[in-house]
């Protein structure tokens, strides 16, 4: 995919997801943002948990009595957040630091460093923003970091294709010139082993040797999400989720006939997949998050729903809390069973069009 196509793909996602895919460079982005008028709608009746909360947001967009600011995270760990004002680190106690105007960011395996990227640069920072190393490459996107305490790799896209570099910035090499420009996903059970999309298929490759472990044809492109034990790999596309096992065998798929699937994340330590979907109707829009038991097809329960658009979702490292970004209400909503804790004025604290960077790290 050339740079122009990639830029338009990001604009399309920003329009569809109301979440900033941070690669805006053209006037089309301005037009896309301008048409993002989000109206409040009435909610249908829902069953527990959270029924009382759903009844309250039926009458107003947003959870009532939300905290005016983020004083602390409800579980241990730190968050990476992106907005037009920069890339932020949020500590457990609520302390916030802006790392600068980077377009992409991701944690190192144990949260000691952050890999960041913008148009022509890949860099590693400490959580206070100090630069450890930089690498000049054209059109950098989607960095992802994995490994042990002493042996790590970073996968990222550049104009030449999918590339891999060691965690100290050395040994940069091209892995696949024809990989689809979608975020790659490191296998949590096999060291230096990367899943990515190319030529209508999902491929699992050992990056040091270059050996392809398996290749499975898939009907759609989307985001790849591993379960924490490495036994399941979900490909999240707008209309369905294709689930593969660790050997690349297609197990099943999850679909929605009326809604658009926008995000998904496995609950740590389980095969339960939190799925965020948006439903469009005449003059209305609503969003919901369900928890799908991938091991038992058809078993799903509603976690939260509300008018307008939800953004990203992120699990706490201990798997007890799910964070849902709700741009329409200008809130973050933290869910734990039937408990709901909301924080308001999110744009005031972080800036407009914020995006969670798949990361509530680390225990």
Protein backbone atom coordinates (compact mmCIF):
# COMPACT_ATOMS: atom_id res chain seq x y z
CA UNK A 1 0.00 0.00 0.00
CA UNK A 2 1.51 3.33 -1.04
CA UNK A 3 1.62 6.36 1.33
CA UNK A 4 -1.40 8.05 -0.31
CA UNK A 5 -3.55 4.90 0.04
CA UNK A 6 -2.40 4.49 3.62
CA UNK A 7 -3.34 8.09 4.46
CA UNK A 8 -6.82 7.60 3.00
CA UNK A 9 -7.24 4.32 4.95
CA UNK A 10 -6.53 6.21 8.17
CA UNK A 11 -9.06 8.90 7.24
CA UNK A 12 -11.67 6.20 6.58
CA UNK A 13 -11.06 4.63 9.99
CA UNK A 14 -11.25 7.98 11.74
CA UNK A 15 -14.66 8.52 10.15
CA UNK A 16 -15.98 5.03 10.89
CA UNK A 17 -14.60 4.62 14.40
CA UNK A 18 -14.65 8.18 15.79
CA UNK A 19 -11.19 7.24 17.09
CA UNK A 20 -8.11 9.06 15.79
CA UNK A 21 -6.02 6.78 13.63
CA UNK A 22 -3.00 9.07 14.02
CA UNK A 23 -1.82 9.51 10.45
CA UNK A 24 -3.76 12.59 9.26
CA UNK A 25 -2.11 14.56 6.48
CA UNK A 26 -4.75 15.50 3.93
CA UNK A 27 -7.73 17.84 3.72
CA UNK A 28 -9.98 14.80 3.58
CA UNK A 29 -9.41 14.34 7.32
CA UNK A 30 -10.82 17.81 8.00
CA UNK A 31 -13.92 16.92 6.01
CA UNK A 32 -14.26 13.58 7.80
CA UNK A 33 -14.08 15.23 11.22
CA UNK A 34 -16.56 17.91 10.19
CA UNK A 35 -19.23 15.34 9.38
CA UNK A 36 -18.86 13.48 12.68
CA UNK A 37 -22.02 14.91 14.24
CA UNK A 38 -23.12 12.49 16.90
CA UNK A 39 -26.74 12.54 18.11
CA UNK A 40 -28.07 11.13 21.36
CA UNK A 41 -30.67 8.38 21.05
CA UNK A 42 -32.88 6.41 23.41
CA UNK A 43 -31.63 3.04 24.59
CA UNK A 44 -33.40 -0.27 24.39
CA UNK A 45 -33.97 -2.21 27.59
CA UNK A 46 -31.01 -4.27 28.77
CA UNK A 47 -30.51 -6.99 31.32
CA UNK A 48 -27.98 -6.91 34.21
CA UNK A 49 -25.21 -6.25 34.91
CA UNK A 50 -25.40 -2.48 34.74
CA UNK A 51 -29.17 -2.25 34.14
CA UNK A 52 -29.57 0.77 36.41
CA UNK A 53 -26.78 2.58 34.59
CA UNK A 54 -28.39 1.87 31.22
CA UNK A 55 -31.67 3.28 32.53
CA UNK A 56 -29.93 6.48 33.61
CA UNK A 57 -28.11 7.03 30.33
CA UNK A 58 -31.44 6.48 28.56
CA UNK A 59 -32.37 9.99 29.70
CA UNK A 60 -29.01 11.72 29.09
CA UNK A 61 -25.83 10.98 27.20
CA UNK A 62 -23.25 9.87 29.75
CA UNK A 63 -23.17 8.19 33.14
CA UNK A 64 -24.62 10.40 35.88
CA UNK A 65 -22.37 11.57 38.71
CA UNK A 66 -19.20 10.89 36.74
CA UNK A 67 -16.00 12.03 38.42
CA UNK A 68 -14.92 15.43 37.08
CA UNK A 69 -11.37 14.24 36.43
CA UNK A 70 -9.24 11.08 36.46
CA UNK A 71 -7.83 10.93 39.98
CA UNK A 72 -6.54 7.34 39.74
CA UNK A 73 -6.90 4.15 37.75
CA UNK A 74 -9.10 1.51 39.44
CA UNK A 75 -6.45 -1.19 38.95
CA UNK A 76 -2.63 -1.26 38.95
CA UNK A 77 -0.80 -0.36 35.76
CA UNK A 78 -0.26 2.54 33.39
CA UNK A 79 -2.09 3.68 30.28
CA UNK A 80 -0.87 4.99 26.94
CA UNK A 81 -3.29 7.51 25.45
CA UNK A 82 -3.08 9.41 22.17
CA UNK A 83 -4.77 12.63 21.13
CA UNK A 84 -4.06 15.67 19.01
CA UNK A 85 -2.20 17.14 21.97
CA UNK A 86 0.29 14.26 22.03
CA UNK A 87 1.02 10.83 23.47
CA UNK A 88 0.29 10.55 27.19
CA UNK A 89 1.38 8.18 29.95
CA UNK A 90 -1.15 7.87 32.79
CA UNK A 91 0.13 6.35 36.05
CA UNK A 92 -1.96 4.34 38.50
CA UNK A 93 -2.29 7.40 40.74
CA UNK A 94 -3.65 9.48 37.85
CA UNK A 95 -0.45 11.42 37.17
CA UNK A 96 -0.17 12.33 33.47
CA UNK A 97 2.86 13.05 31.28
CA UNK A 98 2.86 14.16 27.65
CA UNK A 99 5.62 12.38 25.70
CA UNK A 100 5.29 14.64 22.67
CA UNK A 101 3.62 14.78 19.28
CA UNK A 102 4.02 11.17 18.15
CA UNK A 103 1.55 9.48 15.81
CA UNK A 104 1.91 5.93 17.19
CA UNK A 105 3.01 4.48 20.52
CA UNK A 106 3.25 1.07 22.22
CA UNK A 107 4.72 -0.32 25.44
CA UNK A 108 7.82 -2.48 25.65
CA UNK A 109 7.04 -6.00 27.01
CA UNK A 110 7.34 -5.02 30.69
CA UNK A 111 6.38 -1.38 30.44
CA UNK A 112 9.90 -0.05 30.94
CA UNK A 113 10.00 1.81 27.64
CA UNK A 114 7.70 3.12 24.93
CA UNK A 115 8.24 2.74 21.19
CA UNK A 116 6.90 5.73 19.28
CA UNK A 117 6.70 6.69 15.63
CA UNK A 118 5.86 9.55 13.32
CA UNK A 119 6.19 10.10 9.58
CA UNK A 120 9.93 9.50 9.17
CA UNK A 121 11.12 8.33 12.58
CA UNK A 122 10.95 5.35 14.92
CA UNK A 123 12.18 5.94 18.48
CA UNK A 124 12.36 4.38 21.93
CA UNK A 125 11.60 6.52 25.00
CA UNK A 126 11.49 5.93 28.70
CA UNK A 127 8.10 6.63 30.36
CA UNK A 128 9.24 10.17 31.21
CA UNK A 129 9.91 10.94 27.55
CA UNK A 130 13.71 10.71 27.43
CA UNK A 131 14.89 9.40 24.05
CA UNK A 132 16.94 6.18 24.14
CA UNK A 133 17.48 5.77 20.38
CA UNK A 134 15.99 6.80 17.04
CA UNK A 135 15.84 5.24 13.58
CA UNK A 136 15.12 7.23 10.43
CA UNK A 137 12.74 5.45 8.05
CA UNK A 138 10.18 6.78 5.60
CA UNK A 139 6.45 6.55 6.36
CA UNK A 140 6.64 4.67 9.69
CA UNK A 141 3.47 3.16 11.20
CA UNK A 142 2.07 0.56 13.66
CA UNK A 143 5.09 -0.26 15.91
CA UNK A 144 4.70 -3.27 18.25
CA UNK A 145 7.26 -4.47 20.85
CA UNK A 146 7.76 -7.96 22.36
CA UNK A 147 10.32 -10.16 24.04
CA UNK A 148 11.98 -10.99 27.36
CA UNK A 149 13.79 -8.77 29.83
CA UNK A 150 16.97 -8.91 27.76
CA UNK A 151 15.95 -9.96 24.24
CA UNK A 152 13.25 -7.96 22.41
CA UNK A 153 12.07 -7.14 18.90
CA UNK A 154 9.99 -4.32 17.42
CA UNK A 155 7.84 -4.85 14.33
CA UNK A 156 6.73 -1.83 12.33
CA UNK A 157 5.61 -0.76 8.87
CA UNK A 158 7.55 1.58 6.62
CA UNK A 159 7.42 2.53 2.95
CA UNK A 160 9.38 -0.63 2.09
CA UNK A 161 7.00 -2.99 3.92
CA UNK A 162 6.89 -4.82 7.25
CA UNK A 163 10.20 -4.49 9.11
CA UNK A 164 11.72 -5.78 12.38
CA UNK A 165 14.42 -4.22 14.58
CA UNK A 166 15.94 -5.26 17.90
CA UNK A 167 14.81 -3.46 21.03
CA UNK A 168 18.09 -1.54 21.21
CA UNK A 169 17.59 -0.14 17.70
CA UNK A 170 20.06 -2.46 15.96
CA UNK A 171 19.71 -5.12 13.26
CA UNK A 172 16.85 -3.47 11.35
CA UNK A 173 15.66 -5.62 8.43
CA UNK A 174 12.80 -6.09 5.99
CA UNK A 175 10.52 -9.01 6.85
CA UNK A 176 7.86 -8.83 4.11
CA UNK A 177 7.62 -6.23 1.35
CA UNK A 178 4.06 -7.29 0.48
CA UNK A 179 2.48 -7.36 3.95
CA UNK A 180 -0.92 -5.73 4.29
CA UNK A 181 -0.66 -2.34 6.01
CA UNK A 182 -2.49 -3.47 9.16
CA UNK A 183 -1.02 -3.74 12.67
CA UNK A 184 0.95 -6.97 13.15
CA UNK A 185 0.55 -9.00 16.38
CA UNK A 186 3.28 -10.80 18.33
CA UNK A 187 2.51 -14.36 19.44
CA UNK A 188 2.55 -14.28 23.28
CA UNK A 189 3.47 -18.00 23.48
CA UNK A 190 6.35 -18.14 20.95
CA UNK A 191 9.30 -15.75 21.20
CA UNK A 192 9.95 -13.45 18.23
CA UNK A 193 7.04 -14.92 16.29
CA UNK A 194 4.76 -12.51 14.45
CA UNK A 195 1.28 -12.78 12.94
CA UNK A 196 0.40 -10.43 10.11
CA UNK A 197 -1.76 -10.20 7.00
CA UNK A 198 -0.57 -10.52 3.43
CA UNK A 199 -2.06 -11.63 0.10
CA UNK A 200 -5.49 -12.51 1.49
CA UNK A 201 -4.04 -14.61 4.30
CA UNK A 202 -2.86 -14.46 7.89
CA UNK A 203 0.77 -15.57 8.24
CA UNK A 204 2.70 -16.61 11.35
CA UNK A 205 6.46 -16.11 10.90
CA UNK A 206 9.54 -16.54 13.08
CA UNK A 207 11.22 -13.19 12.48
CA UNK A 208 14.87 -14.09 13.21
CA UNK A 209 15.00 -17.06 10.84
CA UNK A 210 12.29 -15.78 8.51
CA UNK A 211 10.62 -19.20 8.61
CA UNK A 212 6.88 -19.27 7.90
CA UNK A 213 5.12 -21.47 10.45
CA UNK A 214 1.68 -21.36 8.82
CA UNK A 215 -0.47 -19.42 6.39
CA UNK A 216 -4.29 -19.35 6.47
CA UNK A 217 -6.51 -17.74 3.87
CA UNK A 218 -9.07 -15.33 5.36
CA UNK A 219 -12.09 -13.63 3.74
CA UNK A 220 -11.41 -10.16 5.21
CA UNK A 221 -8.68 -7.87 6.51
CA UNK A 222 -8.78 -6.37 10.01
CA UNK A 223 -7.02 -6.08 13.36
CA UNK A 224 -5.26 -9.13 14.81
CA UNK A 225 -5.73 -9.84 18.54
CA UNK A 226 -4.15 -12.72 20.48
CA UNK A 227 -5.47 -14.31 23.66
CA UNK A 228 -2.88 -13.96 26.43
CA UNK A 229 -2.04 -17.70 26.35
CA UNK A 230 -1.35 -17.62 22.59
CA UNK A 231 -3.96 -20.31 21.84
CA UNK A 232 -6.42 -18.09 19.95
CA UNK A 233 -5.94 -15.38 17.33
CA UNK A 234 -8.90 -13.19 16.40
CA UNK A 235 -9.05 -11.17 13.21
CA UNK A 236 -11.46 -8.28 13.81
CA UNK A 237 -13.10 -6.93 10.65
CA UNK A 238 -16.10 -4.55 10.39
CA UNK A 239 -18.68 -7.30 9.83
CA UNK A 240 -17.19 -10.38 11.47
CA UNK A 241 -14.46 -11.76 13.71
CA UNK A 242 -12.56 -14.77 12.37
CA UNK A 243 -11.01 -16.91 15.13
CA UNK A 244 -7.93 -19.06 14.44
CA UNK A 245 -6.16 -21.49 16.74
CA UNK A 246 -2.42 -21.46 17.44
CA UNK A 247 -1.80 -23.63 14.35
CA UNK A 248 -3.74 -21.35 12.03
CA UNK A 249 -6.85 -23.53 11.82
CA UNK A 250 -10.05 -21.53 11.39
CA UNK A 251 -12.26 -22.38 14.37
CA UNK A 252 -15.30 -20.12 14.08
CA UNK A 253 -16.46 -16.61 13.42
CA UNK A 254 -18.52 -14.02 15.24
CA UNK A 255 -20.70 -11.69 13.17
CA UNK A 256 -23.27 -8.95 13.50
CA UNK A 257 -26.07 -8.45 10.99
CA UNK A 258 -26.97 -4.91 11.97
CA UNK A 259 -23.89 -3.46 13.64
CA UNK A 260 -20.32 -2.61 12.76
CA UNK A 261 -17.56 -4.29 14.77
CA UNK A 262 -14.97 -1.67 15.68
CA UNK A 263 -12.73 -3.10 18.41
CA UNK A 264 -12.06 -6.28 20.34
CA UNK A 265 -9.76 -7.34 23.18
CA UNK A 266 -9.29 -10.67 24.95
CA UNK A 267 -9.72 -10.52 28.71
CA UNK A 268 -6.31 -11.43 30.20
CA UNK A 269 -6.06 -15.07 31.24
CA UNK A 270 -9.26 -16.09 29.45
CA UNK A 271 -10.77 -16.77 26.03
CA UNK A 272 -13.47 -14.16 26.61
CA UNK A 273 -13.42 -11.46 23.97
CA UNK A 274 -14.77 -7.98 24.69
CA UNK A 275 -16.31 -6.76 21.43
CA UNK A 276 -17.35 -3.17 20.71
CA UNK A 277 -19.99 -2.63 18.00
CA UNK A 278 -21.94 0.33 16.65
CA UNK A 279 -25.49 0.18 15.36
CA UNK A 280 -26.84 2.66 12.83
CA UNK A 281 -30.55 3.30 12.46
CA UNK A 282 -32.61 6.03 10.88
CA UNK A 283 -31.50 9.29 12.54
CA UNK A 284 -29.88 7.41 15.42
CA UNK A 285 -26.74 5.64 16.53
CA UNK A 286 -25.90 3.53 19.55
CA UNK A 287 -22.91 1.51 20.67
CA UNK A 288 -22.45 -1.50 22.91
CA UNK A 289 -19.77 -3.72 24.38
CA UNK A 290 -20.38 -7.46 24.78
CA UNK A 291 -18.26 -10.20 26.30
CA UNK A 292 -18.14 -13.21 23.95
CA UNK A 293 -17.01 -16.64 25.18
CA UNK A 294 -15.02 -17.86 22.18
CA UNK A 295 -14.78 -21.40 23.59
CA UNK A 296 -18.59 -21.62 23.74
CA UNK A 297 -20.10 -20.07 20.59
CA UNK A 298 -23.35 -18.25 21.22
CA UNK A 299 -22.46 -17.40 24.82
CA UNK A 300 -22.26 -13.62 25.15
CA UNK A 301 -23.42 -11.02 27.62
CA UNK A 302 -23.88 -7.31 27.38
CA UNK A 303 -21.44 -5.25 29.45
CA UNK A 304 -22.41 -1.70 28.53
CA UNK A 305 -24.32 0.30 25.95
CA UNK A 306 -25.10 3.92 25.23
CA UNK A 307 -26.08 6.52 22.63
CA UNK A 308 -23.63 7.71 19.99
CA UNK A 309 -20.11 6.35 19.54
CA UNK A 310 -17.69 4.43 21.72
CA UNK A 311 -13.97 4.56 21.03
CA UNK A 312 -11.27 2.09 22.01
CA UNK A 313 -11.51 -0.48 24.79
CA UNK A 314 -8.71 -1.73 27.07
CA UNK A 315 -8.48 -4.36 29.81
CA UNK A 316 -6.59 -3.74 33.03
CA UNK A 317 -3.53 -6.02 33.34
CA UNK A 318 -5.25 -8.06 36.06
CA UNK A 319 -8.35 -8.51 33.88
CA UNK A 320 -10.73 -7.08 36.47
CA UNK A 321 -11.64 -3.79 34.80
CA UNK A 322 -12.54 -2.90 31.24
CA UNK A 323 -12.05 0.70 30.12
CA UNK A 324 -14.45 2.00 27.45
CA UNK A 325 -13.78 5.35 25.79
CA UNK A 326 -17.08 7.19 25.11
CA UNK A 327 -16.34 10.28 22.97
CA UNK A 328 -20.02 11.19 22.56
CA UNK A 329 -20.34 11.62 26.34
CA UNK A 330 -16.79 12.95 26.80
CA UNK A 331 -16.28 10.17 29.37
CA UNK A 332 -14.23 7.13 30.19
CA UNK A 333 -16.30 4.29 31.65
CA UNK A 334 -14.59 1.64 33.81
CA UNK A 335 -16.55 -1.64 34.11
CA UNK A 336 -16.10 -4.42 36.70
CA UNK A 337 -19.03 -6.85 36.83
CA UNK A 338 -22.02 -4.73 37.83
CA UNK A 339 -19.79 -1.88 39.02
CA UNK A 340 -19.53 1.16 36.77
CA UNK A 341 -17.17 4.07 37.40
CA UNK A 342 -17.18 6.98 34.95
CA UNK A 343 -14.75 9.87 34.52
CA UNK A 344 -15.84 13.00 32.69
CA UNK A 345 -14.12 15.90 30.92
CA UNK A 346 -11.77 13.54 29.09
CA UNK A 347 -11.12 15.94 26.20
CA UNK A 348 -10.19 18.69 28.66
CA UNK A 349 -7.57 16.42 30.23
CA UNK A 350 -6.11 14.84 27.08
CA UNK A 351 -7.39 16.72 24.02
CA UNK A 352 -9.87 15.89 21.29
CA UNK A 353 -10.16 12.64 19.31
CA UNK A 354 -8.26 10.56 21.85
CA UNK A 355 -7.29 6.97 21.29
CA UNK A 356 -6.25 4.30 23.76
CA UNK A 357 -3.15 2.60 22.44
CA UNK A 358 -4.19 -0.99 23.16
CA UNK A 359 -2.30 -0.66 26.39
CA UNK A 360 -3.10 -0.79 30.05
CA UNK A 361 0.28 -2.02 31.18
CA UNK A 362 1.69 -3.58 33.36
CA UNK A 363 0.94 -5.53 36.53
